[in-house]
Every structure is written in structure tokens, then in C-alpha cells.
N, C-alpha and C. Protein backbone atom coordinates (compact mmCIF):
# COMPACT_ATOMS: atom_id res chain seq x y z
N UNK A 1 0.85 -1.20 -0.05
CA UNK A 1 -0.05 0.02 0.00
C UNK A 1 0.87 1.26 0.02
N UNK A 2 0.50 2.22 -0.80
CA UNK A 2 1.39 3.44 -0.85
C UNK A 2 1.28 4.15 0.52
N UNK A 3 2.26 5.16 0.66
CA UNK A 3 2.26 5.92 1.85
C UNK A 3 0.85 6.64 2.05
N UNK A 4 0.50 6.83 3.36
CA UNK A 4 -0.81 7.52 3.60
C UNK A 4 -0.66 8.99 3.25
N UNK A 5 -1.63 9.53 2.72
CA UNK A 5 -1.59 10.93 2.42
C UNK A 5 -1.63 11.72 3.71
N UNK A 6 -1.06 12.90 3.73
CA UNK A 6 -1.18 13.88 4.87
C UNK A 6 -2.11 14.89 4.54
N UNK A 7 -3.24 14.93 5.25
CA UNK A 7 -4.19 16.03 5.05
C UNK A 7 -3.92 17.22 5.92
N UNK A 8 -3.46 18.40 5.37
CA UNK A 8 -3.10 19.57 6.16
C UNK A 8 -4.19 20.15 6.87
N UNK A 9 -5.45 20.01 6.46
CA UNK A 9 -6.54 20.67 7.10
C UNK A 9 -7.69 19.55 7.19
N UNK A 10 -8.61 19.89 8.14
CA UNK A 10 -9.72 18.96 8.22
C UNK A 10 -10.69 19.09 6.96
N UNK A 11 -10.58 20.17 6.31
CA UNK A 11 -11.37 20.35 5.08
C UNK A 11 -10.82 19.40 3.96
N UNK A 12 -9.49 19.39 3.94
CA UNK A 12 -8.86 18.47 2.93
C UNK A 12 -9.25 16.99 3.29
N UNK A 13 -9.24 16.63 4.50
CA UNK A 13 -9.61 15.23 4.81
C UNK A 13 -11.08 14.97 4.47
N UNK A 14 -11.93 15.93 4.72
CA UNK A 14 -13.36 15.82 4.37
C UNK A 14 -13.57 15.68 2.88
N UNK A 15 -12.89 16.58 2.14
CA UNK A 15 -13.02 16.50 0.66
C UNK A 15 -12.57 15.18 0.23
N UNK A 16 -11.46 14.56 0.68
CA UNK A 16 -11.02 13.26 0.26
C UNK A 16 -12.06 12.13 0.58
N UNK A 17 -12.70 12.25 1.73
CA UNK A 17 -13.70 11.36 2.24
C UNK A 17 -14.89 11.26 1.21
N UNK A 18 -15.36 12.45 0.86
CA UNK A 18 -16.56 12.48 -0.06
C UNK A 18 -16.14 12.01 -1.50
N UNK A 19 -14.99 12.49 -1.89
CA UNK A 19 -14.41 12.13 -3.13
C UNK A 19 -14.36 10.60 -3.34
N UNK A 20 -13.82 9.89 -2.24
CA UNK A 20 -13.66 8.47 -2.31
C UNK A 20 -15.10 7.78 -2.28
N UNK A 21 -16.12 8.33 -1.62
CA UNK A 21 -17.34 7.76 -1.68
C UNK A 21 -17.99 7.91 -3.09
N UNK A 22 -17.83 9.05 -3.72
CA UNK A 22 -18.33 9.20 -5.07
C UNK A 22 -17.65 8.29 -6.02
N UNK A 23 -16.29 8.01 -5.89
CA UNK A 23 -15.60 7.16 -6.82
C UNK A 23 -15.55 5.63 -6.39
N UNK A 24 -16.19 5.35 -5.31
CA UNK A 24 -16.20 3.99 -4.80
C UNK A 24 -14.88 3.39 -4.59
N UNK A 25 -13.99 4.29 -4.02
CA UNK A 25 -12.56 3.91 -3.70
C UNK A 25 -12.41 3.56 -2.32
N UNK A 26 -12.45 2.30 -1.99
CA UNK A 26 -12.22 1.89 -0.59
C UNK A 26 -10.98 2.22 0.09
N UNK A 27 -9.84 2.03 -0.68
CA UNK A 27 -8.52 2.43 -0.10
C UNK A 27 -8.41 3.82 0.22
N UNK A 28 -8.86 4.76 -0.73
CA UNK A 28 -8.78 6.13 -0.49
C UNK A 28 -9.68 6.46 0.72
N UNK A 29 -10.91 5.86 0.76
CA UNK A 29 -11.79 6.20 1.91
C UNK A 29 -11.21 5.88 3.28
N UNK A 30 -10.59 4.72 3.30
CA UNK A 30 -10.04 4.24 4.52
C UNK A 30 -8.75 4.95 4.98
N UNK A 31 -8.08 5.57 4.04
CA UNK A 31 -6.90 6.42 4.41
C UNK A 31 -7.33 7.68 5.12
N UNK A 32 -8.54 8.06 4.97
CA UNK A 32 -9.06 9.34 5.68
C UNK A 32 -9.31 8.98 7.13
N UNK A 33 -9.65 7.81 7.46
CA UNK A 33 -9.97 7.45 8.79
C UNK A 33 -8.67 7.22 9.63
N UNK A 34 -8.88 7.54 10.92
CA UNK A 34 -7.76 7.29 11.83
C UNK A 34 -7.70 5.76 12.03
N UNK A 35 -6.50 5.25 12.11
CA UNK A 35 -6.37 3.76 12.41
C UNK A 35 -6.46 3.51 13.84
N UNK A 36 -7.68 3.43 14.35
CA UNK A 36 -7.94 3.39 15.70
C UNK A 36 -9.20 2.50 16.00
N UNK A 37 -9.20 1.83 16.99
CA UNK A 37 -10.39 1.03 17.36
C UNK A 37 -11.56 1.83 17.99
N UNK A 38 -11.25 3.09 18.20
CA UNK A 38 -12.28 3.99 18.81
C UNK A 38 -12.98 4.77 17.73
N UNK A 39 -12.73 4.57 16.42
CA UNK A 39 -13.44 5.40 15.42
C UNK A 39 -14.88 4.79 15.24
N UNK A 40 -15.77 5.72 14.87
CA UNK A 40 -17.18 5.28 14.84
C UNK A 40 -17.76 5.86 13.52
N UNK A 41 -18.66 4.98 12.95
CA UNK A 41 -19.40 5.39 11.76
C UNK A 41 -20.79 4.97 11.90
N UNK A 42 -21.85 5.90 11.62
CA UNK A 42 -23.27 5.56 11.70
C UNK A 42 -23.79 6.01 10.39
N UNK A 43 -24.35 5.06 9.59
CA UNK A 43 -24.91 5.31 8.34
C UNK A 43 -26.42 5.60 8.58
N UNK A 44 -27.19 6.39 7.76
CA UNK A 44 -28.53 6.68 8.01
C UNK A 44 -29.39 5.36 8.27
N UNK A 45 -29.96 5.35 9.39
CA UNK A 45 -30.77 4.16 9.69
C UNK A 45 -30.01 2.93 10.25
N UNK A 46 -28.72 3.09 10.14
CA UNK A 46 -27.92 1.89 10.53
C UNK A 46 -27.46 1.86 11.92
N UNK A 47 -26.68 0.69 12.31
CA UNK A 47 -26.20 0.67 13.63
C UNK A 47 -24.98 1.43 13.80
N UNK A 48 -24.49 1.52 15.05
CA UNK A 48 -23.15 2.06 15.36
C UNK A 48 -22.07 1.11 15.03
N UNK A 49 -21.17 1.47 14.09
CA UNK A 49 -20.02 0.71 13.68
C UNK A 49 -18.80 1.30 14.47
N UNK A 50 -18.04 0.37 15.03
CA UNK A 50 -16.87 0.87 15.72
C UNK A 50 -15.65 0.03 15.34
N UNK A 51 -14.56 0.76 15.20
CA UNK A 51 -13.24 0.10 14.88
C UNK A 51 -13.08 0.10 13.37
N UNK A 52 -11.81 0.23 13.00
CA UNK A 52 -11.30 0.28 11.58
C UNK A 52 -11.77 -0.88 10.83
N UNK A 53 -11.72 -2.15 11.35
CA UNK A 53 -12.07 -3.26 10.52
C UNK A 53 -13.58 -3.34 10.22
N UNK A 54 -14.38 -3.05 11.21
CA UNK A 54 -15.83 -3.08 11.02
C UNK A 54 -16.31 -2.00 9.99
N UNK A 55 -15.75 -0.84 10.18
CA UNK A 55 -16.07 0.26 9.27
C UNK A 55 -15.63 -0.10 7.77
N UNK A 56 -14.44 -0.58 7.69
CA UNK A 56 -13.91 -0.99 6.32
C UNK A 56 -14.92 -2.06 5.74
N UNK A 57 -15.24 -3.01 6.50
CA UNK A 57 -16.12 -4.10 6.00
C UNK A 57 -17.38 -3.53 5.42
N UNK A 58 -18.06 -2.69 6.19
CA UNK A 58 -19.28 -2.17 5.74
C UNK A 58 -19.20 -1.31 4.51
N UNK A 59 -18.23 -0.48 4.44
CA UNK A 59 -17.91 0.34 3.26
C UNK A 59 -17.67 -0.62 2.07
N UNK A 60 -16.89 -1.59 2.27
CA UNK A 60 -16.53 -2.49 1.19
C UNK A 60 -17.80 -3.14 0.55
N UNK A 61 -18.72 -3.55 1.46
CA UNK A 61 -19.97 -4.11 1.03
C UNK A 61 -20.82 -3.06 0.29
N UNK A 62 -20.82 -1.88 0.72
CA UNK A 62 -21.53 -0.81 0.03
C UNK A 62 -20.97 -0.67 -1.36
N UNK A 63 -19.71 -0.46 -1.46
CA UNK A 63 -19.01 -0.27 -2.83
C UNK A 63 -19.25 -1.54 -3.69
N UNK A 64 -19.20 -2.66 -3.16
CA UNK A 64 -19.33 -3.90 -3.94
C UNK A 64 -20.71 -4.09 -4.47
N UNK A 65 -21.71 -3.28 -3.88
CA UNK A 65 -23.07 -3.38 -4.43
C UNK A 65 -23.16 -2.61 -5.76
N UNK A 66 -22.22 -1.82 -6.15
CA UNK A 66 -22.19 -1.25 -7.45
C UNK A 66 -22.91 0.04 -7.55
N UNK A 67 -23.48 0.60 -6.56
CA UNK A 67 -24.29 1.86 -6.54
C UNK A 67 -23.26 2.95 -6.55
N UNK A 68 -23.32 3.94 -7.57
CA UNK A 68 -22.46 5.02 -7.57
C UNK A 68 -23.23 6.32 -7.03
N UNK A 69 -22.62 6.88 -6.00
CA UNK A 69 -23.35 7.97 -5.31
C UNK A 69 -22.78 9.28 -5.85
N UNK A 70 -23.62 10.26 -5.87
CA UNK A 70 -23.33 11.67 -6.07
C UNK A 70 -23.69 12.40 -4.84
N UNK A 71 -22.71 13.14 -4.22
CA UNK A 71 -22.97 13.93 -2.97
C UNK A 71 -22.67 15.31 -3.16
N UNK A 72 -23.61 16.20 -2.77
CA UNK A 72 -23.34 17.62 -2.79
C UNK A 72 -23.63 18.08 -1.42
N UNK A 73 -22.60 18.82 -0.87
CA UNK A 73 -22.70 19.31 0.52
C UNK A 73 -23.30 20.67 0.56
N UNK A 74 -24.08 21.00 1.64
CA UNK A 74 -24.58 22.39 1.78
C UNK A 74 -24.65 22.65 3.24
N UNK A 75 -24.81 23.92 3.58
CA UNK A 75 -25.05 24.45 4.94
C UNK A 75 -24.03 23.90 5.94
N UNK A 76 -22.78 23.92 5.63
CA UNK A 76 -21.77 23.43 6.51
C UNK A 76 -21.50 24.32 7.61
N UNK A 77 -21.14 23.81 8.78
CA UNK A 77 -20.66 24.53 9.90
C UNK A 77 -19.41 23.80 10.38
N UNK A 78 -18.51 24.63 11.01
CA UNK A 78 -17.27 24.02 11.48
C UNK A 78 -16.83 24.61 12.79
N UNK A 79 -16.34 23.91 13.66
CA UNK A 79 -15.77 24.32 14.96
C UNK A 79 -14.42 23.64 14.99
N UNK A 80 -13.34 24.34 15.27
CA UNK A 80 -12.02 23.80 15.29
C UNK A 80 -11.15 24.30 16.34
N UNK A 81 -10.33 23.35 16.96
CA UNK A 81 -9.35 23.72 17.89
C UNK A 81 -7.99 23.35 17.25
N UNK A 82 -6.86 23.52 17.92
CA UNK A 82 -5.61 23.07 17.24
C UNK A 82 -5.60 21.56 16.95
N UNK A 83 -6.27 20.69 17.64
CA UNK A 83 -6.19 19.34 17.50
C UNK A 83 -7.45 18.53 17.13
N UNK A 84 -8.69 19.26 17.05
CA UNK A 84 -9.85 18.61 16.68
C UNK A 84 -10.73 19.54 16.02
N UNK A 85 -11.61 19.00 15.07
CA UNK A 85 -12.60 19.79 14.32
C UNK A 85 -13.84 19.02 14.15
N UNK A 86 -14.90 19.74 14.31
CA UNK A 86 -16.24 19.15 14.20
C UNK A 86 -16.98 19.84 13.05
N UNK A 87 -17.36 19.16 12.06
CA UNK A 87 -18.08 19.64 10.82
C UNK A 87 -19.43 19.10 10.79
N UNK A 88 -20.43 19.84 10.46
CA UNK A 88 -21.82 19.41 10.19
C UNK A 88 -22.23 19.92 8.90
N UNK A 89 -22.79 19.06 8.04
CA UNK A 89 -23.15 19.38 6.76
C UNK A 89 -24.52 18.65 6.47
N UNK A 90 -25.12 19.17 5.44
CA UNK A 90 -26.30 18.51 4.84
C UNK A 90 -25.81 17.86 3.53
N UNK A 91 -25.84 16.54 3.48
CA UNK A 91 -25.42 15.78 2.34
C UNK A 91 -26.59 15.59 1.39
N UNK A 92 -26.58 16.13 0.21
CA UNK A 92 -27.63 15.80 -0.79
C UNK A 92 -27.16 14.65 -1.60
N UNK A 93 -27.58 13.47 -1.29
CA UNK A 93 -27.14 12.25 -1.76
C UNK A 93 -28.09 11.75 -2.82
N UNK A 94 -27.51 11.34 -3.98
CA UNK A 94 -28.34 10.88 -5.11
C UNK A 94 -27.55 9.61 -5.71
N UNK A 95 -28.29 8.76 -6.32
CA UNK A 95 -27.66 7.65 -7.10
C UNK A 95 -27.34 8.23 -8.44
N UNK A 96 -26.03 8.12 -8.85
CA UNK A 96 -25.56 8.85 -9.96
C UNK A 96 -26.35 8.56 -11.30
N UNK A 97 -26.87 7.33 -11.49
CA UNK A 97 -27.59 7.12 -12.70
C UNK A 97 -29.13 7.31 -12.53
N UNK A 98 -29.62 7.79 -11.35
CA UNK A 98 -31.07 7.91 -11.16
C UNK A 98 -31.24 9.07 -10.15
N UNK A 99 -31.36 10.30 -10.83
CA UNK A 99 -31.49 11.47 -9.84
C UNK A 99 -32.78 11.53 -9.06
N UNK A 100 -33.77 10.68 -9.52
CA UNK A 100 -34.97 10.61 -8.76
C UNK A 100 -34.77 9.97 -7.36
N UNK A 101 -33.69 9.14 -7.22
CA UNK A 101 -33.39 8.51 -5.94
C UNK A 101 -32.42 9.34 -5.25
N UNK A 102 -32.94 10.30 -4.43
CA UNK A 102 -32.08 11.22 -3.62
C UNK A 102 -32.67 11.45 -2.31
N UNK A 103 -31.80 11.82 -1.41
CA UNK A 103 -32.29 12.11 0.03
C UNK A 103 -31.39 12.96 0.70
N UNK A 104 -31.93 14.01 1.42
CA UNK A 104 -31.02 14.78 2.18
C UNK A 104 -30.62 14.04 3.49
N UNK A 105 -29.35 14.25 3.84
CA UNK A 105 -28.84 13.52 5.01
C UNK A 105 -28.10 14.53 5.90
N UNK A 106 -28.29 14.57 7.11
CA UNK A 106 -27.56 15.51 8.05
C UNK A 106 -26.39 14.65 8.57
N UNK A 107 -25.09 15.22 8.42
CA UNK A 107 -23.96 14.48 8.83
C UNK A 107 -23.11 15.25 9.69
N UNK A 108 -22.53 14.58 10.66
CA UNK A 108 -21.46 15.21 11.62
C UNK A 108 -20.16 14.45 11.29
N UNK A 109 -19.09 15.22 11.02
CA UNK A 109 -17.77 14.58 10.80
C UNK A 109 -16.86 15.19 11.81
N UNK A 110 -16.17 14.32 12.57
CA UNK A 110 -15.29 14.75 13.64
C UNK A 110 -13.79 14.27 13.21
N UNK A 111 -12.92 15.22 13.26
CA UNK A 111 -11.47 14.99 12.83
C UNK A 111 -10.58 15.32 14.00
N UNK A 112 -9.48 14.64 14.05
CA UNK A 112 -8.37 14.90 14.92
C UNK A 112 -7.10 15.07 14.20
N UNK A 113 -6.22 15.92 14.78
CA UNK A 113 -4.90 16.20 14.08
C UNK A 113 -3.79 15.33 14.80
N UNK A 114 -3.05 14.57 14.07
CA UNK A 114 -1.93 13.84 14.56
C UNK A 114 -0.74 13.98 13.65
N UNK A 115 0.23 13.05 13.84
CA UNK A 115 1.45 13.11 13.04
C UNK A 115 1.28 13.03 11.60
N UNK A 116 0.14 12.44 11.21
CA UNK A 116 -0.07 12.32 9.76
C UNK A 116 -1.16 13.21 9.31
N UNK A 117 -1.27 14.45 9.89
CA UNK A 117 -2.32 15.39 9.62
C UNK A 117 -3.63 15.05 10.17
N UNK A 118 -4.69 15.52 9.55
CA UNK A 118 -6.02 15.34 9.99
C UNK A 118 -6.60 14.02 9.58
N UNK A 119 -7.33 13.38 10.54
CA UNK A 119 -7.95 12.07 10.31
C UNK A 119 -9.39 12.06 10.78
N UNK A 120 -10.30 11.34 10.12
CA UNK A 120 -11.70 11.27 10.59
C UNK A 120 -11.77 10.26 11.71
N UNK A 121 -12.48 10.49 12.74
CA UNK A 121 -12.69 9.65 13.80
C UNK A 121 -14.23 9.28 14.07
N UNK A 122 -15.03 10.17 13.43
CA UNK A 122 -16.43 9.96 13.54
C UNK A 122 -17.24 10.43 12.30
N UNK A 123 -18.10 9.59 11.75
CA UNK A 123 -18.95 10.07 10.68
C UNK A 123 -20.32 9.59 11.18
N UNK A 124 -21.26 10.45 11.39
CA UNK A 124 -22.63 10.14 11.93
C UNK A 124 -23.64 10.80 10.88
N UNK A 125 -24.37 9.89 10.12
CA UNK A 125 -25.37 10.48 9.18
C UNK A 125 -26.76 10.07 9.55
N UNK A 126 -27.71 10.97 9.51
CA UNK A 126 -29.03 10.70 9.80
C UNK A 126 -29.92 11.24 8.61
N UNK A 127 -31.00 10.43 8.27
CA UNK A 127 -31.91 10.91 7.13
C UNK A 127 -32.75 12.11 7.67
N UNK A 128 -33.06 12.98 6.73
CA UNK A 128 -33.89 14.11 7.04
C UNK A 128 -35.05 14.23 6.08
N UNK A 129 -36.19 14.49 6.45
CA UNK A 129 -37.28 14.65 5.50
C UNK A 129 -37.01 15.91 4.67
N UNK A 130 -37.24 15.98 3.29
CA UNK A 130 -36.88 17.10 2.52
C UNK A 130 -37.45 18.42 3.00
N UNK A 131 -38.66 18.38 3.43
CA UNK A 131 -39.31 19.67 3.86
C UNK A 131 -38.63 20.26 5.12
N UNK A 132 -38.01 19.32 5.95
CA UNK A 132 -37.28 19.89 7.11
C UNK A 132 -36.07 20.69 6.73
N UNK A 133 -35.33 20.19 5.74
CA UNK A 133 -34.09 20.89 5.26
C UNK A 133 -34.53 22.27 4.77
N UNK A 134 -35.51 22.45 3.93
CA UNK A 134 -35.82 23.79 3.40
C UNK A 134 -36.34 24.75 4.51
N UNK A 135 -36.84 24.17 5.57
CA UNK A 135 -37.43 25.02 6.66
C UNK A 135 -36.51 25.18 7.88
N UNK A 136 -35.40 24.61 7.91
CA UNK A 136 -34.46 24.67 8.95
C UNK A 136 -34.08 26.12 9.35
N UNK A 137 -34.15 26.40 10.57
CA UNK A 137 -33.85 27.88 11.00
C UNK A 137 -32.36 28.04 10.89
N UNK A 138 -31.97 29.25 10.61
CA UNK A 138 -30.56 29.69 10.45
C UNK A 138 -29.89 29.96 11.78
N UNK A 139 -30.66 30.26 12.81
CA UNK A 139 -30.06 30.54 14.14
C UNK A 139 -30.53 29.61 15.19
N UNK A 140 -29.81 29.41 16.20
CA UNK A 140 -30.16 28.60 17.38
C UNK A 140 -30.74 29.46 18.40
N UNK A 141 -31.68 28.92 19.17
CA UNK A 141 -32.37 29.63 20.25
C UNK A 141 -31.86 29.19 21.58
């Protein structure tokens, strides 16, 4: 396996994560994740997956299914410290060959900074009814 890329910012790591999903590239996708048994991934409506091997296995099965996803991000927020970053986004996910199959998903991505740059430690995605996305308030109360 080639050397792991170094992501200089959490935004670089996040861009590589979504690019890997769109291209169905498991190796690229897993390079974004921290190699740690404490990493967590939750797909919309799915169980909590923990650890590198479990997360890799599920993504491998998704990619082997042959569905090609198109993901457009919107309404992102970010909070960052020198060693951690929390991003929230709305993922507009569609099947590449069938634009009628699409769904908005709210996702939280948490990154940590280490010797190899920024790495993903949590991806939690939840489905959202389309009307909720359009009506979401811009401010918190």
C-alpha cells in the first residue's frame, strides 16, 4: 500500500472522504480514517459501527453493491481547535444514474490532528425529510 496521504486541514480530509465515496474507492476512503479502534461510523438508519475493521467491511459491502453515489454538501458549519474539528453538513445524496433517488442527510464529521495530519474519527449521518431541510432555522435559540 502506498504511503498514507497527509491532510493538512480537516477540510482536505473531508473532501477526500466524499471524493472516495463518489468514486467507490475503498482504499482512499479508509486512508481518511484514523487507524484506531475507537473510530465510529453511523450510516442513515444503520447501527453504530466501531473500529477500523468493522467500518472498512461495511464500506466494502456498500461499494461492492455497485451503486455510484453523487454527494453535494450544503449548509456546512465548522468548529475547530488546534487538534480537533467538528463539521456538520447536509449531504444531498443521489444515485448517479437515477437522480430521482435522492435524499438529504444530516452528517457530523469529527476529525483529529496527529502526526499524519487530520484524520476522521466519527462520521454520523441521519436521514432528514426534505421539507425539514428547506425550513431549517438559520439561528439557534
